[in-house]
Amino acid sequence: MNEIKLYRKRFIPNETIFLKDDIILHRDDDVIITKWFVFRPKEEFDHGVSCYYMKKGFKISKFLNDKNELVYYYCDIIDTEYIKEQNSYIFSDLLADVIIYENGFVKVVDLQSLQIV
């Protein structure tokens, strides 16, 4: 079978991005675990690890800085579509997200986007 392709779909802005550089560390019927580097350089973090819980509808990402230190955990609510003919997954970001900082502070983000859709 051909190589697995991963895509991230967002509604704001409306875009679908091929995650061509993500490395799949594990895959089964329930989860996919990847490691990745950011698309656009950021001062506070530059890489991380993500676990897609496809049947449960969320993705947890661990954002790390250039010293491999935890910056925060990021939880996306997602919808997963698998296209068998292309051996590809499209992960649609369903807008509202949760950030959990190392000190335990929790922040819900992107709620304003829900009012637009």
PDB file of N, CA and C in Angstrom:
ATOM      1  N   MET A   1       0.849  -1.188   0.000  1.00  0.00           N
ATOM      2  CA  MET A   1       0.000   0.000   0.000  1.00  0.00           C
ATOM      3  C   MET A   1       0.889   1.244   0.000  1.00  0.00           C
ATOM      4  N   ASN A   2       0.398   2.300  -0.629  1.00  0.00           N
ATOM      5  CA  ASN A   2       1.190   3.521  -0.701  1.00  0.00           C
ATOM      6  C   ASN A   2       1.290   4.202   0.664  1.00  0.00           C
ATOM      7  N   GLU A   3       2.198   5.135   0.748  1.00  0.00           N
ATOM      8  CA  GLU A   3       2.478   5.856   1.994  1.00  0.00           C
ATOM      9  C   GLU A   3       1.250   6.603   2.517  1.00  0.00           C
ATOM     10  N   ILE A   4       1.107   6.635   3.834  1.00  0.00           N
ATOM     11  CA  ILE A   4       0.003   7.349   4.471  1.00  0.00           C
ATOM     12  C   ILE A   4       0.229   8.851   4.319  1.00  0.00           C
ATOM     13  N   LYS A   5      -0.830   9.561   3.958  1.00  0.00           N
ATOM     14  CA  LYS A   5      -0.772  11.015   3.837  1.00  0.00           C
ATOM     15  C   LYS A   5      -1.684  11.618   4.902  1.00  0.00           C
ATOM     16  N   LEU A   6      -1.202  12.668   5.551  1.00  0.00           N
ATOM     17  CA  LEU A   6      -1.960  13.368   6.580  1.00  0.00           C
ATOM     18  C   LEU A   6      -2.218  14.800   6.127  1.00  0.00           C
ATOM     19  N   TYR A   7      -3.437  15.278   6.380  1.00  0.00           N
ATOM     20  CA  TYR A   7      -3.824  16.640   6.034  1.00  0.00           C
ATOM     21  C   TYR A   7      -4.494  17.302   7.225  1.00  0.00           C
ATOM     22  N   ARG A   8      -4.249  18.585   7.395  1.00  0.00           N
ATOM     23  CA  ARG A   8      -4.947  19.380   8.402  1.00  0.00           C
ATOM     24  C   ARG A   8      -5.871  20.346   7.670  1.00  0.00           C
ATOM     25  N   LYS A   9      -7.147  20.260   8.009  1.00  0.00           N
ATOM     26  CA  LYS A   9      -8.138  21.146   7.394  1.00  0.00           C
ATOM     27  C   LYS A   9      -8.624  22.132   8.437  1.00  0.00           C
ATOM     28  N   ARG A  10      -8.608  23.403   8.074  1.00  0.00           N
ATOM     29  CA  ARG A  10      -9.131  24.453   8.951  1.00  0.00           C
ATOM     30  C   ARG A  10     -10.226  25.196   8.212  1.00  0.00           C
ATOM     31  N   PHE A  11     -11.147  25.755   8.987  1.00  0.00           N
ATOM     32  CA  PHE A  11     -12.234  26.524   8.406  1.00  0.00           C
ATOM     33  C   PHE A  11     -11.951  28.018   8.427  1.00  0.00           C
ATOM     34  N   ILE A  12     -11.130  28.464   9.403  1.00  0.00           N
ATOM     35  CA  ILE A  12     -10.742  29.874   9.502  1.00  0.00           C
ATOM     36  C   ILE A  12      -9.232  29.934   9.712  1.00  0.00           C
ATOM     37  N   PRO A  13      -8.430  30.265   8.730  1.00  0.00           N
ATOM     38  CA  PRO A  13      -8.833  30.481   7.347  1.00  0.00           C
ATOM     39  C   PRO A  13      -9.186  29.144   6.692  1.00  0.00           C
ATOM     40  N   ASN A  14      -9.939  29.189   5.626  1.00  0.00           N
ATOM     41  CA  ASN A  14     -10.349  27.985   4.921  1.00  0.00           C
ATOM     42  C   ASN A  14      -9.152  27.432   4.150  1.00  0.00           C
ATOM     43  N   GLU A  15      -8.558  26.351   4.677  1.00  0.00           N
ATOM     44  CA  GLU A  15      -7.370  25.795   4.044  1.00  0.00           C
ATOM     45  C   GLU A  15      -7.222  24.316   4.416  1.00  0.00           C
ATOM     46  N   THR A  16      -6.606  23.584   3.528  1.00  0.00           N
ATOM     47  CA  THR A  16      -6.227  22.199   3.792  1.00  0.00           C
ATOM     48  C   THR A  16      -4.740  22.096   3.491  1.00  0.00           C
ATOM     49  N   ILE A  17      -3.970  21.660   4.484  1.00  0.00           N
ATOM     50  CA  ILE A  17      -2.515  21.620   4.360  1.00  0.00           C
ATOM     51  C   ILE A  17      -2.037  20.176   4.440  1.00  0.00           C
ATOM     52  N   PHE A  18      -1.236  19.781   3.480  1.00  0.00           N
ATOM     53  CA  PHE A  18      -0.600  18.464   3.474  1.00  0.00           C
ATOM     54  C   PHE A  18       0.526  18.497   4.501  1.00  0.00           C
ATOM     55  N   LEU A  19       0.480  17.615   5.463  1.00  0.00           N
ATOM     56  CA  LEU A  19       1.497  17.571   6.523  1.00  0.00           C
ATOM     57  C   LEU A  19       2.650  16.692   6.058  1.00  0.00           C
ATOM     58  N   LYS A  20       3.300  17.111   4.996  1.00  0.00           N
ATOM     59  CA  LYS A  20       4.296  16.298   4.303  1.00  0.00           C
ATOM     60  C   LYS A  20       5.524  15.975   5.139  1.00  0.00           C
ATOM     61  N   ASP A  21       5.834  16.803   6.109  1.00  0.00           N
ATOM     62  CA  ASP A  21       7.034  16.586   6.914  1.00  0.00           C
ATOM     63  C   ASP A  21       6.758  15.895   8.249  1.00  0.00           C
ATOM     64  N   ASP A  22       5.494  15.671   8.576  1.00  0.00           N
ATOM     65  CA  ASP A  22       5.174  14.963   9.824  1.00  0.00           C
ATOM     66  C   ASP A  22       5.650  13.514   9.723  1.00  0.00           C
ATOM     67  N   ILE A  23       6.206  13.021  10.802  1.00  0.00           N
ATOM     68  CA  ILE A  23       6.695  11.642  10.854  1.00  0.00           C
ATOM     69  C   ILE A  23       5.748  10.831  11.722  1.00  0.00           C
ATOM     70  N   ILE A  24       5.216   9.768  11.150  1.00  0.00           N
ATOM     71  CA  ILE A  24       4.296   8.906  11.890  1.00  0.00           C
ATOM     72  C   ILE A  24       5.114   7.947  12.753  1.00  0.00           C
ATOM     73  N   LEU A  25       4.917   8.046  14.070  1.00  0.00           N
ATOM     74  CA  LEU A  25       5.615   7.184  15.021  1.00  0.00           C
ATOM     75  C   LEU A  25       4.823   5.917  15.330  1.00  0.00           C
ATOM     76  N   HIS A  26       3.481   6.038  15.271  1.00  0.00           N
ATOM     77  CA  HIS A  26       2.607   4.903  15.584  1.00  0.00           C
ATOM     78  C   HIS A  26       1.265   5.116  14.890  1.00  0.00           C
ATOM     79  N   ARG A  27       0.676   4.014  14.457  1.00  0.00           N
ATOM     80  CA  ARG A  27      -0.659   4.081  13.856  1.00  0.00           C
ATOM     81  C   ARG A  27      -1.385   2.778  14.124  1.00  0.00           C
ATOM     82  N   ASP A  28      -2.626   2.886  14.601  1.00  0.00           N
ATOM     83  CA  ASP A  28      -3.526   1.741  14.680  1.00  0.00           C
ATOM     84  C   ASP A  28      -4.929   2.254  14.378  1.00  0.00           C
ATOM     85  N   ASP A  29      -5.941   1.453  14.611  1.00  0.00           N
ATOM     86  CA  ASP A  29      -7.309   1.857  14.264  1.00  0.00           C
ATOM     87  C   ASP A  29      -7.840   3.005  15.117  1.00  0.00           C
ATOM     88  N   ASP A  30      -7.240   3.232  16.291  1.00  0.00           N
ATOM     89  CA  ASP A  30      -7.730   4.255  17.216  1.00  0.00           C
ATOM     90  C   ASP A  30      -6.903   5.530  17.234  1.00  0.00           C
ATOM     91  N   VAL A  31      -5.587   5.416  17.081  1.00  0.00           N
ATOM     92  CA  VAL A  31      -4.717   6.588  17.225  1.00  0.00           C
ATOM     93  C   VAL A  31      -3.628   6.631  16.157  1.00  0.00           C
ATOM     94  N   ILE A  32      -3.180   7.849  15.894  1.00  0.00           N
ATOM     95  CA  ILE A  32      -1.972   8.097  15.106  1.00  0.00           C
ATOM     96  C   ILE A  32      -1.122   9.043  15.934  1.00  0.00           C
ATOM     97  N   ILE A  33       0.154   8.709  16.112  1.00  0.00           N
ATOM     98  CA  ILE A  33       1.089   9.566  16.836  1.00  0.00           C
ATOM     99  C   ILE A  33       2.133  10.061  15.844  1.00  0.00           C
ATOM    100  N   THR A  34       2.341  11.377  15.839  1.00  0.00           N
ATOM    101  CA  THR A  34       3.307  11.977  14.918  1.00  0.00           C
ATOM    102  C   THR A  34       4.282  12.879  15.668  1.00  0.00           C
ATOM    103  N   LYS A  35       5.409  13.131  15.041  1.00  0.00           N
ATOM    104  CA  LYS A  35       6.290  14.205  15.509  1.00  0.00           C
ATOM    105  C   LYS A  35       6.441  15.172  14.344  1.00  0.00           C
ATOM    106  N   TRP A  36       6.654  16.438  14.669  1.00  0.00           N
ATOM    107  CA  TRP A  36       6.595  17.474  13.651  1.00  0.00           C
ATOM    108  C   TRP A  36       7.410  18.698  14.051  1.00  0.00           C
ATOM    109  N   PHE A  37       7.670  19.540  13.060  1.00  0.00           N
ATOM    110  CA  PHE A  37       8.260  20.862  13.250  1.00  0.00           C
ATOM    111  C   PHE A  37       7.255  21.881  12.726  1.00  0.00           C
ATOM    112  N   VAL A  38       7.276  23.081  13.282  1.00  0.00           N
ATOM    113  CA  VAL A  38       6.315  24.113  12.879  1.00  0.00           C
ATOM    114  C   VAL A  38       6.526  24.501  11.413  1.00  0.00           C
ATOM    115  N   PHE A  39       5.436  24.953  10.758  1.00  0.00           N
ATOM    116  CA  PHE A  39       5.511  25.443   9.376  1.00  0.00           C
ATOM    117  C   PHE A  39       6.248  26.767   9.322  1.00  0.00           C
ATOM    118  N   ARG A  40       5.858  27.643  10.249  1.00  0.00           N
ATOM    119  CA  ARG A  40       6.432  28.985  10.309  1.00  0.00           C
ATOM    120  C   ARG A  40       7.171  29.130  11.636  1.00  0.00           C
ATOM    121  N   PRO A  41       8.416  29.590  11.608  1.00  0.00           N
ATOM    122  CA  PRO A  41       9.195  29.707  12.851  1.00  0.00           C
ATOM    123  C   PRO A  41       8.478  30.541  13.912  1.00  0.00           C
ATOM    124  N   LYS A  42       8.549  30.064  15.145  1.00  0.00           N
ATOM    125  CA  LYS A  42       7.971  30.755  16.295  1.00  0.00           C
ATOM    126  C   LYS A  42       9.054  30.854  17.373  1.00  0.00           C
ATOM    127  N   GLU A  43       9.011  31.925  18.115  1.00  0.00           N
ATOM    128  CA  GLU A  43      10.032  32.132  19.139  1.00  0.00           C
ATOM    129  C   GLU A  43       9.870  31.164  20.310  1.00  0.00           C
ATOM    130  N   GLU A  44       8.613  30.904  20.728  1.00  0.00           N
ATOM    131  CA  GLU A  44       8.383  30.124  21.941  1.00  0.00           C
ATOM    132  C   GLU A  44       8.453  28.602  21.756  1.00  0.00           C
ATOM    133  N   PHE A  45       8.199  28.099  20.548  1.00  0.00           N
ATOM    134  CA  PHE A  45       8.291  26.661  20.298  1.00  0.00           C
ATOM    135  C   PHE A  45       8.625  26.404  18.838  1.00  0.00           C
ATOM    136  N   ASP A  46       9.180  25.211  18.564  1.00  0.00           N
ATOM    137  CA  ASP A  46       9.512  24.903  17.173  1.00  0.00           C
ATOM    138  C   ASP A  46       9.195  23.475  16.740  1.00  0.00           C
ATOM    139  N   HIS A  47       8.804  22.627  17.685  1.00  0.00           N
ATOM    140  CA  HIS A  47       8.467  21.255  17.308  1.00  0.00           C
ATOM    141  C   HIS A  47       7.565  20.632  18.362  1.00  0.00           C
ATOM    142  N   GLY A  48       7.129  19.401  18.075  1.00  0.00           N
ATOM    143  CA  GLY A  48       6.278  18.737  19.044  1.00  0.00           C
ATOM    144  C   GLY A  48       5.882  17.333  18.623  1.00  0.00           C
ATOM    145  N   VAL A  49       4.988  16.790  19.410  1.00  0.00           N
ATOM    146  CA  VAL A  49       4.441  15.449  19.188  1.00  0.00           C
ATOM    147  C   VAL A  49       2.931  15.562  19.315  1.00  0.00           C
ATOM    148  N   SER A  50       2.205  14.878  18.431  1.00  0.00           N
ATOM    149  CA  SER A  50       0.743  14.905  18.468  1.00  0.00           C
ATOM    150  C   SER A  50       0.188  13.494  18.485  1.00  0.00           C
ATOM    151  N   CYS A  51      -0.901  13.329  19.219  1.00  0.00           N
ATOM    152  CA  CYS A  51      -1.625  12.066  19.247  1.00  0.00           C
ATOM    153  C   CYS A  51      -3.063  12.338  18.812  1.00  0.00           C
ATOM    154  N   TYR A  52      -3.428  11.781  17.671  1.00  0.00           N
ATOM    155  CA  TYR A  52      -4.778  11.914  17.121  1.00  0.00           C
ATOM    156  C   TYR A  52      -5.618  10.754  17.644  1.00  0.00           C
ATOM    157  N   TYR A  53      -6.626  11.067  18.430  1.00  0.00           N
ATOM    158  CA  TYR A  53      -7.586  10.065  18.901  1.00  0.00           C
ATOM    159  C   TYR A  53      -8.763  10.126  17.937  1.00  0.00           C
ATOM    160  N   MET A  54      -8.658   9.361  16.870  1.00  0.00           N
ATOM    161  CA  MET A  54      -9.575   9.507  15.736  1.00  0.00           C
ATOM    162  C   MET A  54     -11.020   9.165  16.084  1.00  0.00           C
ATOM    163  N   LYS A  55     -11.241   8.118  16.838  1.00  0.00           N
ATOM    164  CA  LYS A  55     -12.610   7.711  17.168  1.00  0.00           C
ATOM    165  C   LYS A  55     -13.224   8.591  18.253  1.00  0.00           C
ATOM    166  N   LYS A  56     -12.390   9.213  19.065  1.00  0.00           N
ATOM    167  CA  LYS A  56     -12.884  10.053  20.155  1.00  0.00           C
ATOM    168  C   LYS A  56     -13.049  11.514  19.743  1.00  0.00           C
ATOM    169  N   GLY A  57     -12.420  11.919  18.628  1.00  0.00           N
ATOM    170  CA  GLY A  57     -12.634  13.259  18.104  1.00  0.00           C
ATOM    171  C   GLY A  57     -11.763  14.350  18.698  1.00  0.00           C
ATOM    172  N   PHE A  58     -10.541  14.004  19.118  1.00  0.00           N
ATOM    173  CA  PHE A  58      -9.645  15.065  19.563  1.00  0.00           C
ATOM    174  C   PHE A  58      -8.193  14.697  19.299  1.00  0.00           C
ATOM    175  N   LYS A  59      -7.349  15.729  19.328  1.00  0.00           N
ATOM    176  CA  LYS A  59      -5.907  15.584  19.137  1.00  0.00           C
ATOM    177  C   LYS A  59      -5.231  16.309  20.292  1.00  0.00           C
ATOM    178  N   ILE A  60      -4.280  15.664  20.929  1.00  0.00           N
ATOM    179  CA  ILE A  60      -3.482  16.285  21.981  1.00  0.00           C
ATOM    180  C   ILE A  60      -2.063  16.464  21.442  1.00  0.00           C
ATOM    181  N   SER A  61      -1.562  17.683  21.516  1.00  0.00           N
ATOM    182  CA  SER A  61      -0.207  17.973  21.043  1.00  0.00           C
ATOM    183  C   SER A  61       0.643  18.505  22.182  1.00  0.00           C
ATOM    184  N   LYS A  62       1.874  18.087  22.178  1.00  0.00           N
ATOM    185  CA  LYS A  62       2.859  18.556  23.148  1.00  0.00           C
ATOM    186  C   LYS A  62       3.797  19.497  22.391  1.00  0.00           C
ATOM    187  N   PHE A  63       3.737  20.793  22.706  1.00  0.00           N
ATOM    188  CA  PHE A  63       4.559  21.791  22.044  1.00  0.00           C
ATOM    189  C   PHE A  63       5.861  21.954  22.821  1.00  0.00           C
ATOM    190  N   LEU A  64       6.983  21.871  22.119  1.00  0.00           N
ATOM    191  CA  LEU A  64       8.305  21.909  22.745  1.00  0.00           C
ATOM    192  C   LEU A  64       9.152  23.033  22.158  1.00  0.00           C
ATOM    193  N   ASN A  65      10.045  23.569  22.993  1.00  0.00           N
ATOM    194  CA  ASN A  65      10.939  24.614  22.497  1.00  0.00           C
ATOM    195  C   ASN A  65      12.222  23.989  21.951  1.00  0.00           C
ATOM    196  N   ASP A  66      13.169  24.844  21.529  1.00  0.00           N
ATOM    197  CA  ASP A  66      14.401  24.348  20.916  1.00  0.00           C
ATOM    198  C   ASP A  66      15.306  23.599  21.888  1.00  0.00           C
ATOM    199  N   LYS A  67      15.006  23.671  23.198  1.00  0.00           N
ATOM    200  CA  LYS A  67      15.757  22.913  24.208  1.00  0.00           C
ATOM    201  C   LYS A  67      15.018  21.622  24.572  1.00  0.00           C
ATOM    202  N   ASN A  68      13.954  21.325  23.820  1.00  0.00           N
ATOM    203  CA  ASN A  68      13.125  20.144  24.046  1.00  0.00           C
ATOM    204  C   ASN A  68      12.347  20.211  25.357  1.00  0.00           C
ATOM    205  N   GLU A  69      12.076  21.446  25.824  1.00  0.00           N
ATOM    206  CA  GLU A  69      11.306  21.659  27.056  1.00  0.00           C
ATOM    207  C   GLU A  69       9.839  21.893  26.707  1.00  0.00           C
ATOM    208  N   LEU A  70       8.957  21.424  27.579  1.00  0.00           N
ATOM    209  CA  LEU A  70       7.527  21.593  27.380  1.00  0.00           C
ATOM    210  C   LEU A  70       7.142  23.068  27.443  1.00  0.00           C
ATOM    211  N   VAL A  71       6.412  23.538  26.451  1.00  0.00           N
ATOM    212  CA  VAL A  71       5.850  24.886  26.456  1.00  0.00           C
ATOM    213  C   VAL A  71       4.396  24.782  26.918  1.00  0.00           C
ATOM    214  N   TYR A  72       3.623  23.904  26.280  1.00  0.00           N
ATOM    215  CA  TYR A  72       2.257  23.609  26.715  1.00  0.00           C
ATOM    216  C   TYR A  72       1.699  22.411  25.946  1.00  0.00           C
ATOM    217  N   TYR A  73       0.563  21.928  26.440  1.00  0.00           N
ATOM    218  CA  TYR A  73      -0.225  20.929  25.725  1.00  0.00           C
ATOM    219  C   TYR A  73      -1.363  21.660  25.032  1.00  0.00           C
ATOM    220  N   TYR A  74      -1.718  21.196  23.866  1.00  0.00           N
ATOM    221  CA  TYR A  74      -2.767  21.838  23.074  1.00  0.00           C
ATOM    222  C   TYR A  74      -3.763  20.770  22.659  1.00  0.00           C
ATOM    223  N   CYS A  75      -5.022  20.979  22.939  1.00  0.00           N
ATOM    224  CA  CYS A  75      -6.065  20.013  22.607  1.00  0.00           C
ATOM    225  C   CYS A  75      -6.983  20.585  21.534  1.00  0.00           C
ATOM    226  N   ASP A  76      -7.013  19.923  20.387  1.00  0.00           N
ATOM    227  CA  ASP A  76      -7.895  20.293  19.284  1.00  0.00           C
ATOM    228  C   ASP A  76      -9.082  19.336  19.254  1.00  0.00           C
ATOM    229  N   ILE A  77     -10.254  19.868  19.026  1.00  0.00           N
ATOM    230  CA  ILE A  77     -11.418  19.037  18.754  1.00  0.00           C
ATOM    231  C   ILE A  77     -11.423  18.828  17.241  1.00  0.00           C
ATOM    232  N   ILE A  78     -11.454  17.560  16.820  1.00  0.00           N
ATOM    233  CA  ILE A  78     -11.282  17.265  15.397  1.00  0.00           C
ATOM    234  C   ILE A  78     -12.355  16.311  14.875  1.00  0.00           C
ATOM    235  N   ASP A  79     -12.478  16.315  13.573  1.00  0.00           N
ATOM    236  CA  ASP A  79     -13.241  15.307  12.856  1.00  0.00           C
ATOM    237  C   ASP A  79     -12.255  14.633  11.919  1.00  0.00           C
ATOM    238  N   THR A  80     -12.277  13.301  11.859  1.00  0.00           N
ATOM    239  CA  THR A  80     -11.327  12.561  11.045  1.00  0.00           C
ATOM    240  C   THR A  80     -12.028  11.892   9.876  1.00  0.00           C
ATOM    241  N   GLU A  81     -11.478  12.090   8.702  1.00  0.00           N
ATOM    242  CA  GLU A  81     -11.972  11.420   7.497  1.00  0.00           C
ATOM    243  C   GLU A  81     -10.833  10.599   6.909  1.00  0.00           C
ATOM    244  N   TYR A  82     -11.075   9.332   6.654  1.00  0.00           N
ATOM    245  CA  TYR A  82     -10.073   8.474   6.014  1.00  0.00           C
ATOM    246  C   TYR A  82     -10.518   8.208   4.583  1.00  0.00           C
ATOM    247  N   ILE A  83      -9.619   8.450   3.623  1.00  0.00           N
ATOM    248  CA  ILE A  83      -9.898   8.195   2.212  1.00  0.00           C
ATOM    249  C   ILE A  83      -9.041   7.002   1.796  1.00  0.00           C
ATOM    250  N   LYS A  84      -9.665   5.853   1.746  1.00  0.00           N
ATOM    251  CA  LYS A  84      -8.962   4.590   1.518  1.00  0.00           C
ATOM    252  C   LYS A  84      -8.181   4.573   0.203  1.00  0.00           C
ATOM    253  N   GLU A  85      -8.791   5.051  -0.874  1.00  0.00           N
ATOM    254  CA  GLU A  85      -8.145   5.013  -2.194  1.00  0.00           C
ATOM    255  C   GLU A  85      -6.829   5.798  -2.209  1.00  0.00           C
ATOM    256  N   GLN A  86      -6.727   6.806  -1.386  1.00  0.00           N
ATOM    257  CA  GLN A  86      -5.519   7.640  -1.338  1.00  0.00           C
ATOM    258  C   GLN A  86      -4.663   7.344  -0.115  1.00  0.00           C
ATOM    259  N   ASN A  87      -5.161   6.433   0.744  1.00  0.00           N
ATOM    260  CA  ASN A  87      -4.498   6.129   2.018  1.00  0.00           C
ATOM    261  C   ASN A  87      -4.167   7.421   2.764  1.00  0.00           C
ATOM    262  N   SER A  88      -5.189   8.267   2.884  1.00  0.00           N
ATOM    263  CA  SER A  88      -4.955   9.568   3.510  1.00  0.00           C
ATOM    264  C   SER A  88      -6.004   9.856   4.576  1.00  0.00           C
ATOM    265  N   TYR A  89      -5.562  10.656   5.552  1.00  0.00           N
ATOM    266  CA  TYR A  89      -6.428  11.125   6.622  1.00  0.00           C
ATOM    267  C   TYR A  89      -6.550  12.636   6.520  1.00  0.00           C
ATOM    268  N   ILE A  90      -7.769  13.124   6.655  1.00  0.00           N
ATOM    269  CA  ILE A  90      -7.994  14.565   6.742  1.00  0.00           C
ATOM    270  C   ILE A  90      -8.534  14.838   8.138  1.00  0.00           C
ATOM    271  N   PHE A  91      -7.780  15.631   8.901  1.00  0.00           N
ATOM    272  CA  PHE A  91      -8.169  16.001  10.259  1.00  0.00           C
ATOM    273  C   PHE A  91      -8.711  17.426  10.209  1.00  0.00           C
ATOM    274  N   SER A  92     -10.014  17.564  10.388  1.00  0.00           N
ATOM    275  CA  SER A  92     -10.643  18.889  10.372  1.00  0.00           C
ATOM    276  C   SER A  92     -10.667  19.452  11.780  1.00  0.00           C
ATOM    277  N   ASP A  93     -10.118  20.652  11.927  1.00  0.00           N
ATOM    278  CA  ASP A  93     -10.097  21.357  13.200  1.00  0.00           C
ATOM    279  C   ASP A  93     -11.472  21.989  13.409  1.00  0.00           C
ATOM    280  N   LEU A  94     -12.162  21.569  14.465  1.00  0.00           N
ATOM    281  CA  LEU A  94     -13.513  22.058  14.716  1.00  0.00           C
ATOM    282  C   LEU A  94     -13.545  23.291  15.616  1.00  0.00           C
ATOM    283  N   LEU A  95     -12.485  24.077  15.532  1.00  0.00           N
ATOM    284  CA  LEU A  95     -12.389  25.440  16.047  1.00  0.00           C
ATOM    285  C   LEU A  95     -12.023  25.593  17.514  1.00  0.00           C
ATOM    286  N   ALA A  96     -12.873  25.293  18.469  1.00  0.00           N
ATOM    287  CA  ALA A  96     -12.550  25.564  19.878  1.00  0.00           C
ATOM    288  C   ALA A  96     -11.422  24.644  20.345  1.00  0.00           C
ATOM    289  N   ASP A  97     -10.445  25.211  21.040  1.00  0.00           N
ATOM    290  CA  ASP A  97      -9.274  24.468  21.504  1.00  0.00           C
ATOM    291  C   ASP A  97      -9.000  24.758  22.972  1.00  0.00           C
ATOM    292  N   VAL A  98      -8.212  23.898  23.593  1.00  0.00           N
ATOM    293  CA  VAL A  98      -7.834  24.063  24.993  1.00  0.00           C
ATOM    294  C   VAL A  98      -6.312  23.990  25.092  1.00  0.00           C
ATOM    295  N   ILE A  99      -5.722  24.950  25.793  1.00  0.00           N
ATOM    296  CA  ILE A  99      -4.289  24.967  26.051  1.00  0.00           C
ATOM    297  C   ILE A  99      -4.081  24.687  27.531  1.00  0.00           C
ATOM    298  N   ILE A 100      -3.169  23.771  27.840  1.00  0.00           N
ATOM    299  CA  ILE A 100      -2.842  23.455  29.233  1.00  0.00           C
ATOM    300  C   ILE A 100      -1.358  23.733  29.434  1.00  0.00           C
ATOM    301  N   TYR A 101      -1.076  24.712  30.296  1.00  0.00           N
ATOM    302  CA  TYR A 101       0.307  25.095  30.568  1.00  0.00           C
ATOM    303  C   TYR A 101       0.912  24.190  31.632  1.00  0.00           C
ATOM    304  N   GLU A 102       2.224  24.163  31.674  1.00  0.00           N
ATOM    305  CA  GLU A 102       2.949  23.299  32.610  1.00  0.00           C
ATOM    306  C   GLU A 102       2.555  23.564  34.060  1.00  0.00           C
ATOM    307  N   ASN A 103       2.221  24.812  34.383  1.00  0.00           N
ATOM    308  CA  ASN A 103       1.838  25.152  35.763  1.00  0.00           C
ATOM    309  C   ASN A 103       0.391  24.778  36.087  1.00  0.00           C
ATOM    310  N   GLY A 104      -0.326  24.158  35.113  1.00  0.00           N
ATOM    311  CA  GLY A 104      -1.698  23.724  35.343  1.00  0.00           C
ATOM    312  C   GLY A 104      -2.758  24.705  34.880  1.00  0.00           C
ATOM    313  N   PHE A 105      -2.361  25.907  34.474  1.00  0.00           N
ATOM    314  CA  PHE A 105      -3.328  26.895  33.984  1.00  0.00           C
ATOM    315  C   PHE A 105      -3.967  26.392  32.690  1.00  0.00           C
ATOM    316  N   VAL A 106      -5.284  26.484  32.600  1.00  0.00           N
ATOM    317  CA  VAL A 106      -6.030  26.022  31.423  1.00  0.00           C
ATOM    318  C   VAL A 106      -6.679  27.220  30.747  1.00  0.00           C
ATOM    319  N   LYS A 107      -6.542  27.273  29.435  1.00  0.00           N
ATOM    320  CA  LYS A 107      -7.086  28.383  28.666  1.00  0.00           C
ATOM    321  C   LYS A 107      -7.865  27.817  27.471  1.00  0.00           C
ATOM    322  N   VAL A 108      -9.121  28.239  27.318  1.00  0.00           N
ATOM    323  CA  VAL A 108      -9.924  27.849  26.157  1.00  0.00           C
ATOM    324  C   VAL A 108      -9.765  28.953  25.120  1.00  0.00           C
ATOM    325  N   VAL A 109      -9.454  28.563  23.872  1.00  0.00           N
ATOM    326  CA  VAL A 109      -9.207  29.540  22.818  1.00  0.00           C
ATOM    327  C   VAL A 109     -10.085  29.278  21.599  1.00  0.00           C
ATOM    328  N   ASP A 110     -10.170  30.266  20.758  1.00  0.00           N
ATOM    329  CA  ASP A 110     -10.878  30.204  19.475  1.00  0.00           C
ATOM    330  C   ASP A 110     -12.392  30.123  19.620  1.00  0.00           C
ATOM    331  N   LEU A 111     -12.944  30.498  20.775  1.00  0.00           N
ATOM    332  CA  LEU A 111     -14.396  30.486  20.929  1.00  0.00           C
ATOM    333  C   LEU A 111     -15.085  31.504  20.022  1.00  0.00           C
ATOM    334  N   GLN A 112     -14.422  32.632  19.764  1.00  0.00           N
ATOM    335  CA  GLN A 112     -15.009  33.646  18.899  1.00  0.00           C
ATOM    336  C   GLN A 112     -15.223  33.100  17.492  1.00  0.00           C
ATOM    337  N   SER A 113     -14.418  32.145  17.071  1.00  0.00           N
ATOM    338  CA  SER A 113     -14.581  31.548  15.750  1.00  0.00           C
ATOM    339  C   SER A 113     -15.877  30.766  15.623  1.00  0.00           C
ATOM    340  N   LEU A 114     -16.349  30.215  16.717  1.00  0.00           N
ATOM    341  CA  LEU A 114     -17.594  29.437  16.693  1.00  0.00           C
ATOM    342  C   LEU A 114     -18.781  30.310  16.337  1.00  0.00           C
ATOM    343  N   GLN A 115     -18.738  31.588  16.675  1.00  0.00           N
ATOM    344  CA  GLN A 115     -19.830  32.492  16.384  1.00  0.00           C
ATOM    345  C   GLN A 115     -19.875  32.888  14.910  1.00  0.00           C
ATOM    346  N   ILE A 116     -18.744  32.785  14.245  1.00  0.00           N
ATOM    347  CA  ILE A 116     -18.644  33.162  12.846  1.00  0.00           C
ATOM    348  C   ILE A 116     -19.210  32.060  11.952  1.00  0.00           C
ATOM    349  N   VAL A 117     -18.955  30.813  12.307  1.00  0.00           N
ATOM    350  CA  VAL A 117     -19.345  29.676  11.470  1.00  0.00           C
ATOM    351  C   VAL A 117     -20.821  29.409  11.526  1.00  0.00           C
TER     352      VAL A 117
END
